Protein backbone atom coordinates (compact mmCIF):
# COMPACT_ATOMS: atom_id res chain seq x y z
CA VAL A 1 -23.90 -33.36 12.93
CA GLU A 2 -22.40 -35.92 15.88
CA MET A 3 -22.00 -38.88 13.59
CA TRP A 4 -20.23 -36.52 10.74
CA CYS A 5 -17.96 -35.19 13.28
CA ASN A 6 -16.29 -37.97 14.91
CA THR A 7 -16.54 -40.45 11.31
CA SER A 8 -15.76 -38.82 8.62
CA TRP A 9 -13.84 -35.60 10.32
CA SER A 10 -11.53 -38.24 11.86
CA CYS A 11 -10.90 -40.33 8.27
CA TRP A 12 -9.51 -36.86 6.47
CA ALA A 13 -5.65 -37.90 7.16
CA THR A 14 -5.75 -41.20 5.19
CA CYS A 15 -8.22 -39.42 2.61
CA LEU A 16 -6.29 -36.22 2.04
CA MET A 17 -3.22 -39.04 0.45
CA VAL A 18 -5.58 -39.32 -3.02
CA GLU A 19 -6.01 -35.68 -4.74
CA LYS A 20 -9.15 -36.73 -6.54
CA SER A 21 -9.91 -37.59 -3.32
CA THR A 22 -8.84 -34.76 -1.97
CA LEU A 23 -10.74 -32.95 -3.45
CA TYR A 24 -14.14 -34.24 -3.71
CA TYR A 25 -14.03 -33.87 0.14
CA ILE A 26 -13.29 -30.35 0.44
CA ILE A 27 -16.50 -29.62 -1.64
CA SER A 28 -18.28 -32.24 0.22
CA SER A 29 -16.71 -30.49 3.30
CA TYR A 30 -17.67 -26.74 1.83
CA GLN A 31 -21.60 -28.41 0.82
CA ARG A 32 -21.86 -29.54 4.51
CA ILE A 33 -20.58 -26.69 6.55
CA THR A 34 -22.65 -23.93 4.57
CA GLY A 35 -26.36 -26.12 4.51
CA ILE A 36 -25.87 -27.18 7.47
CA PRO A 37 -25.50 -24.89 10.62
CA ALA A 38 -24.29 -26.39 13.49
CA LEU A 39 -22.07 -27.83 11.15
CA ALA A 40 -19.22 -25.81 12.19
CA LYS A 41 -20.15 -25.09 15.45
CA ALA A 42 -19.99 -28.97 15.98
CA LEU A 43 -16.34 -29.25 14.44
CA SER A 44 -15.26 -25.84 16.57
CA GLU A 45 -15.24 -28.36 19.36
CA HIS A 46 -13.05 -31.15 17.51
CA PRO A 47 -9.41 -32.24 19.65
CA ASP A 48 -8.01 -30.54 16.34
CA PRO A 49 -10.57 -29.60 13.72
CA TYR A 50 -7.85 -27.73 11.18
CA GLY A 51 -5.24 -30.25 11.18
CA PRO A 52 -6.06 -31.63 7.96
CA LEU A 53 -6.46 -29.35 5.69
CA VAL A 54 -4.37 -26.23 7.30
CA PRO A 55 -1.44 -28.41 4.62
CA LEU A 56 -3.60 -28.57 1.93
CA LEU A 57 -2.74 -24.66 1.65
CA SER A 58 0.68 -25.29 0.52
CA GLN A 59 0.24 -27.82 -1.54
CA SER A 60 0.25 -25.76 -4.81
CA ASN A 61 2.46 -22.21 -5.33
CA ASP A 62 -0.42 -21.74 -8.37
CA PRO A 63 -3.17 -19.75 -6.92
CA GLU A 64 -5.49 -21.03 -9.65
CA SER A 65 -4.98 -24.73 -7.93
CA PRO A 66 -8.62 -25.65 -6.79
CA ILE A 67 -7.13 -27.47 -3.99
CA PRO A 68 -5.76 -24.58 -1.50
CA LEU A 69 -8.34 -22.50 -2.71
CA LEU A 70 -11.41 -24.65 -1.65
CA THR A 71 -9.45 -25.54 1.54
CA SER A 72 -9.06 -21.90 2.23
CA THR A 73 -12.97 -21.78 1.47
CA VAL A 74 -14.03 -24.36 3.68
CA LEU A 75 -11.49 -23.50 6.69
CA THR A 76 -13.11 -19.47 6.13
CA SER A 77 -16.37 -20.90 6.83
CA MET A 78 -15.73 -23.58 9.78
CA ILE A 79 -13.05 -20.68 11.77
CA ALA A 80 -16.08 -17.85 10.96
CA GLY A 81 -18.63 -20.61 12.18
CA ALA A 82 -17.20 -21.50 15.46
CA PRO A 83 -18.67 -20.12 18.01
CA ALA A 84 -15.59 -18.74 20.02
CA PHE A 85 -12.21 -17.50 18.59
CA SER A 86 -9.69 -20.06 20.39
CA LYS A 87 -6.24 -21.12 20.77
CA LYS A 88 -7.51 -23.54 18.14
CA GLU A 89 -8.18 -21.14 15.79
CA ALA A 90 -5.63 -18.99 16.29
CA ALA A 91 -2.85 -21.55 15.60
CA ALA A 92 -4.53 -22.41 12.16
CA ILE A 93 -5.36 -18.70 11.27
CA PRO A 94 -2.46 -17.55 10.39
CA ARG A 95 -1.96 -20.14 7.62
CA LEU A 96 -4.86 -19.30 6.45
CA PHE A 97 -3.50 -15.39 6.38
CA THR A 98 -0.55 -16.20 4.74
CA TYR A 99 -1.92 -18.26 1.81
CA LEU A 100 -4.75 -15.39 1.14
CA SER A 101 -2.21 -12.72 1.11
CA THR A 102 -0.56 -14.15 -2.17
CA LEU A 103 -4.17 -13.41 -3.46
CA THR A 104 -3.69 -10.74 -3.11
CA LEU A 105 -0.72 -10.21 -5.34
CA VAL A 106 -2.41 -11.27 -8.28
CA THR A 107 -3.05 -9.24 -10.86
CA ASP A 108 -6.92 -11.12 -11.02
CA GLY A 109 -9.26 -9.51 -9.29
CA GLY A 110 -11.22 -12.02 -8.71
CA LEU A 111 -8.99 -13.95 -6.95
CA GLN A 112 -7.82 -10.85 -5.10
CA ASP A 113 -11.79 -10.17 -4.19
CA ILE A 114 -12.05 -14.20 -3.10
CA ALA A 115 -9.13 -13.40 -0.79
CA VAL A 116 -10.03 -9.78 0.15
CA LEU A 117 -14.13 -11.56 1.63
CA GLU A 118 -12.64 -14.26 3.39
CA TYR A 119 -10.50 -11.94 5.29
CA SER A 120 -13.60 -10.14 5.76
CA ALA A 121 -15.30 -13.32 7.13
CA LEU A 122 -12.30 -14.44 9.70
CA LEU A 123 -11.74 -10.47 11.31
CA ARG A 124 -15.03 -10.87 13.76
CA SER A 125 -12.80 -11.40 16.36
CA LYS A 126 -11.00 -8.91 18.22
CA LYS A 127 -8.02 -11.90 18.04
CA SER A 128 -8.21 -12.80 15.01
CA ARG A 129 -7.71 -8.55 14.12
CA HIS A 130 -5.00 -8.54 15.83
CA ILE A 131 -3.31 -11.93 14.84
CA PHE A 132 -3.92 -10.26 10.68
CA TRP A 133 -2.91 -6.27 12.07
CA GLU A 134 0.49 -8.49 13.25
CA GLN A 135 0.86 -10.54 9.95
CA ARG A 136 0.74 -6.59 8.60
CA ARG A 137 3.28 -6.82 5.84
CA GLU A 138 1.55 -9.94 4.46
CA THR A 139 -1.96 -9.21 4.68
CA VAL A 140 -2.41 -5.04 5.05
CA GLY A 141 0.33 -4.05 2.81
CA PRO A 142 -1.25 -5.76 -0.42
CA LEU A 143 -4.96 -3.83 0.74
CA VAL A 144 -2.48 -0.30 0.70
CA SER A 145 -1.54 -0.94 -2.86
CA ILE A 146 -4.95 -2.31 -4.25
CA LEU A 147 -6.02 1.03 -2.51
CA LYS A 148 -3.01 2.67 -4.36
CA ALA A 149 -4.06 1.23 -7.61
CA ALA A 150 -7.93 2.62 -7.51
CA ALA A 151 -6.15 6.26 -6.10
CA GLY A 152 -3.96 6.74 -9.60
CA VAL A 153 -1.45 6.13 -8.23
CA SER A 154 2.05 3.66 -8.07
CA ASN A 155 3.58 1.46 -6.12
CA GLY A 156 6.71 3.56 -7.17
CA ASP A 157 5.12 6.71 -6.79
CA SER A 158 4.38 9.21 -3.58
CA ALA A 159 1.52 11.06 -2.21
CA SER A 160 2.16 13.23 -4.00
CA THR A 161 1.55 12.53 -7.38
CA LEU A 162 -1.91 12.51 -6.22
CA TRP A 163 -1.95 15.64 -4.94
CA SER A 164 -0.20 17.03 -8.23
CA GLY A 165 -3.09 16.04 -10.46
CA ALA A 166 -0.80 14.09 -11.98
CA ALA A 167 -3.17 10.17 -11.34
CA SER A 168 -6.78 9.82 -11.59
CA MET A 169 -9.26 7.15 -10.31
CA ARG A 170 -11.79 8.15 -13.45
CA SER A 171 -13.64 4.79 -14.49
CA GLY A 172 -11.87 2.25 -16.89
CA ILE A 173 -14.37 -0.35 -18.49
CA GLU A 174 -17.19 -0.70 -16.76
CA GLY A 175 -17.00 -1.36 -13.06
CA THR A 176 -13.37 -0.70 -12.95
CA ILE A 177 -11.90 2.76 -11.48
CA GLY A 178 -8.22 3.97 -11.63
CA GLY A 179 -5.76 1.37 -11.39
CA GLY A 180 -8.66 -1.19 -13.52
CA VAL A 181 -9.64 -1.90 -9.92
CA GLY A 182 -12.59 -3.28 -9.72
CA LEU A 183 -16.22 -1.36 -7.40
CA GLN A 184 -16.59 -4.27 -5.52
CA LEU A 185 -12.46 -4.83 -4.47
CA LEU A 186 -12.88 -1.46 -3.21
CA TYR A 187 -15.62 -1.81 -1.48
CA HIS A 188 -14.58 -4.67 0.17
CA VAL A 189 -10.63 -3.97 0.93
CA LEU A 190 -12.72 -0.77 2.40
CA LEU A 191 -14.52 -3.01 4.58
CA VAL A 192 -11.43 -4.81 6.24
CA HIS A 193 -10.12 -1.09 6.97
CA TRP A 194 -13.31 -0.84 8.85
CA GLN A 195 -13.79 -3.65 10.68
CA LEU A 196 -9.28 -3.56 11.77
CA SER A 197 -10.54 0.33 12.87
CA PHE A 198 -12.81 -1.57 16.26
CA GLU A 199 -9.08 -1.96 17.47
CA GLY A 200 -7.73 1.92 16.77
CA ALA A 201 -6.56 2.39 20.23
CA ASP A 202 -4.92 -0.32 19.49
CA ILE A 203 -3.40 0.13 16.33
CA GLY A 204 -4.81 3.02 15.29
CA GLU A 205 -1.19 4.90 14.70
CA GLY A 206 0.14 1.81 11.95
CA LEU A 207 -3.23 2.56 10.30
CA ASP A 208 -2.45 5.89 9.44
CA GLU A 209 -1.64 4.82 5.34
CA TYR A 210 -4.83 3.27 5.38
CA VAL A 211 -6.38 5.97 5.63
CA HIS A 212 -4.19 8.20 3.93
CA TRP A 213 -5.28 6.94 1.43
CA PHE A 214 -8.79 6.61 1.92
CA ILE A 215 -9.03 10.58 2.23
CA ALA A 216 -6.86 10.42 -1.48
CA LEU A 217 -10.06 8.45 -2.94
CA ARG A 218 -12.33 10.43 -1.78
CA LEU A 219 -10.39 13.64 -2.94
CA SER A 220 -9.29 11.95 -6.61
């Protein structure tokens, strides 16, 4: 592990100049990180473990582009596997949250679910949850929209639409509810809300809208 960290990881800056090599190294890194639990810890001790990867998140505006998508998965595994949330993690995670937020805005439920699952993996520390909340316009906002869609209310509608009975979260195609929101995606969105609730003493009032639509889901 130490040898790999001190050689292969230090060569990233050179290898990332070639797209095919980039894709290969991202996949290879992910396999190593997930296959060797001690690797994420060892990488966290590198002076700049995330520096070569973070710029790749903005390589393409296409949400299905494989390099940013795979990079976000590698970064999530590294940050979530770090033994402590240090300044290095705090410097990298805002851009990762920003990238993941773009996936929550697409209509592809699969990409949305990937983003929300990675959110959940990253929200294991108090500091990461506070950073997530500081970026709530781009992180929490789309998740509230997903809850509203699941409750059968569009973004342009108010809560009165729900209480009037005009909205419904009845099941659509198998595995989905109102607005075509997948049950798995809804579960993961609610999991993120639960994780944020641990900071209720600091951000409790700000979670009101989240709670409102959660109650709406239960009543609809």
